[in-house]
Amino acid sequence: MAQERALRFNELIKKELGKIISNFLDVEPGVLVTVTRVSTNPNLFTADVFVSVYPPSGAEKILEKLNRSIYQIQQSLNKKMEVRPVPKISFKYDANPEAAGEVEKLLEEIKKENRE
C-alpha cells in the first residue's frame, strides 16, 4: 500500500515537472527534454528527477540550465502540488534511453545477420 502511494506520488511529481519544464525551459529547436522518472526518498523531503535529453550532446547544457533555474522550478512545483511538504528536487541525467537505443540497434543488426 505504501509503495503504491509512493509510486503515484512520484508519477504526480513527474507529470507536473514535465509541464513546468516544458513551459519554463527555453531550449533550442530540435532538442527534446523529457522527465523520465522521479525517485522520492522515503522521508518525502527530497526527490531525484531524472531527465533525458535528445540529442545527448546537449545534455550538459540543459542540466546546467535546469540547475541554474532550480529555485524557480521548485517554487512552481510548490504552487502546483496540493500536498505538503513538497520534496526538494535535484536533477540528474538519465542515460538509460540512449543505452536502450544502442541495445535495440545491436538486436536489429543480429537479426539482419541471422537472416543472411
Protein backbone atom coordinates (compact mmCIF):
# COMPACT_ATOMS: atom_id res chain seq x y z
CA MET A 1 0.00 0.00 0.00
CA ALA A 2 2.71 2.49 0.98
CA GLN A 3 4.78 1.54 -2.06
CA GLU A 4 1.81 2.11 -4.37
CA ARG A 5 1.27 5.53 -2.80
CA ALA A 6 4.93 6.40 -3.33
CA LEU A 7 4.70 5.36 -7.00
CA ARG A 8 1.62 7.53 -7.52
CA PHE A 9 3.34 10.44 -5.75
CA ASN A 10 6.40 10.06 -7.99
CA GLU A 11 4.21 9.98 -11.10
CA LEU A 12 2.38 13.12 -9.98
CA ILE A 13 5.66 14.97 -9.49
CA LYS A 14 6.91 13.69 -12.85
CA LYS A 15 3.78 14.90 -14.63
CA GLU A 16 3.82 18.35 -13.01
CA LEU A 17 7.57 18.84 -13.55
CA GLY A 18 7.20 17.81 -17.18
CA LYS A 19 4.66 20.61 -17.69
CA ILE A 20 6.72 23.14 -15.73
CA ILE A 21 9.95 22.34 -17.56
CA SER A 22 8.35 22.45 -20.99
CA ASN A 23 6.88 25.88 -20.24
CA PHE A 24 9.85 27.23 -18.33
CA LEU A 25 12.90 25.93 -20.16
CA ASP A 26 13.91 27.69 -23.34
CA VAL A 27 15.56 25.03 -25.50
CA GLU A 28 16.94 25.22 -28.99
CA PRO A 29 14.87 23.81 -31.86
CA GLY A 30 15.48 20.10 -32.31
CA VAL A 31 16.27 19.48 -28.62
CA LEU A 32 13.87 17.30 -26.65
CA VAL A 33 13.89 17.30 -22.85
CA THR A 34 11.90 14.62 -21.05
CA VAL A 35 11.41 13.83 -17.38
CA THR A 36 11.87 10.07 -17.43
CA ARG A 37 11.34 9.24 -13.76
CA VAL A 38 11.25 10.61 -10.25
CA SER A 39 12.66 8.86 -7.23
CA THR A 40 11.44 10.27 -3.93
CA ASN A 41 13.30 9.35 -0.76
CA PRO A 42 11.22 7.50 1.88
CA ASN A 43 11.15 10.61 4.09
CA LEU A 44 9.48 12.57 1.22
CA PHE A 45 11.80 15.54 1.76
CA THR A 46 13.98 15.06 -1.32
CA ALA A 47 13.42 13.73 -4.83
CA ASP A 48 15.81 12.91 -7.67
CA VAL A 49 14.39 13.93 -11.04
CA PHE A 50 15.90 12.03 -13.96
CA VAL A 51 15.95 13.92 -17.24
CA SER A 52 16.63 12.58 -20.71
CA VAL A 53 17.89 14.89 -23.44
CA TYR A 54 17.86 14.25 -27.17
CA PRO A 55 20.30 14.68 -28.81
CA PRO A 56 22.56 13.61 -25.94
CA SER A 57 25.23 16.14 -26.95
CA GLY A 58 23.07 18.92 -25.44
CA ALA A 59 22.53 17.20 -22.11
CA GLU A 60 25.23 19.03 -20.18
CA LYS A 61 23.93 22.43 -21.28
CA ILE A 62 20.32 21.54 -20.43
CA LEU A 63 21.23 20.21 -16.98
CA GLU A 64 23.18 23.38 -16.32
CA LYS A 65 20.11 25.47 -17.24
CA LEU A 66 17.87 23.33 -15.04
CA ASN A 67 20.20 23.56 -12.06
CA ARG A 68 20.59 27.32 -12.52
CA SER A 69 16.79 27.67 -12.51
CA ILE A 70 16.06 25.09 -9.84
CA TYR A 71 14.76 27.66 -7.37
CA GLN A 72 12.11 28.96 -9.79
CA ILE A 73 11.18 25.42 -10.87
CA GLN A 74 10.86 24.35 -7.23
CA GLN A 75 8.63 27.36 -6.50
CA SER A 76 6.37 26.50 -9.45
CA LEU A 77 6.15 22.89 -8.26
CA ASN A 78 5.29 24.05 -4.73
CA LYS A 79 2.39 26.09 -6.11
CA LYS A 80 1.08 23.22 -8.27
CA MET A 81 1.25 20.45 -5.67
CA GLU A 82 -1.54 20.14 -3.13
CA VAL A 83 0.49 18.04 -0.70
CA ARG A 84 2.90 19.21 1.96
CA PRO A 85 5.80 19.02 2.24
CA VAL A 86 6.76 19.12 -1.43
CA PRO A 87 10.10 17.32 -1.83
CA LYS A 88 13.18 19.36 -2.63
CA ILE A 89 14.17 18.34 -6.17
CA SER A 90 17.56 17.71 -7.72
CA PHE A 91 18.13 16.98 -11.40
CA LYS A 92 20.12 14.03 -12.69
CA TYR A 93 20.90 12.93 -16.24
CA ASP A 94 19.22 9.69 -17.31
CA ALA A 95 21.36 7.85 -19.85
CA ASN A 96 19.07 4.80 -19.96
CA PRO A 97 17.18 5.84 -23.13
CA GLU A 98 20.45 6.08 -25.06
CA ALA A 99 21.57 2.71 -23.71
CA ALA A 100 18.22 1.18 -24.69
CA GLY A 101 18.60 2.63 -28.18
CA GLU A 102 22.03 1.03 -28.52
CA VAL A 103 20.65 -2.35 -27.42
CA GLU A 104 17.83 -2.06 -29.97
CA LYS A 105 20.33 -1.23 -32.69
CA LEU A 106 22.50 -4.23 -31.79
CA LEU A 107 19.48 -6.54 -31.77
CA GLU A 108 18.46 -5.34 -35.23
CA GLU A 109 21.99 -5.99 -36.53
CA ILE A 110 21.90 -9.51 -35.10
CA LYS A 111 18.52 -10.16 -36.74
CA LYS A 112 19.87 -8.98 -40.10
CA GLU A 113 22.93 -11.22 -39.79
CA ASN A 114 20.78 -14.26 -38.93
CA ARG A 115 18.55 -13.68 -41.98
CA GLU A 116 21.51 -13.62 -44.34
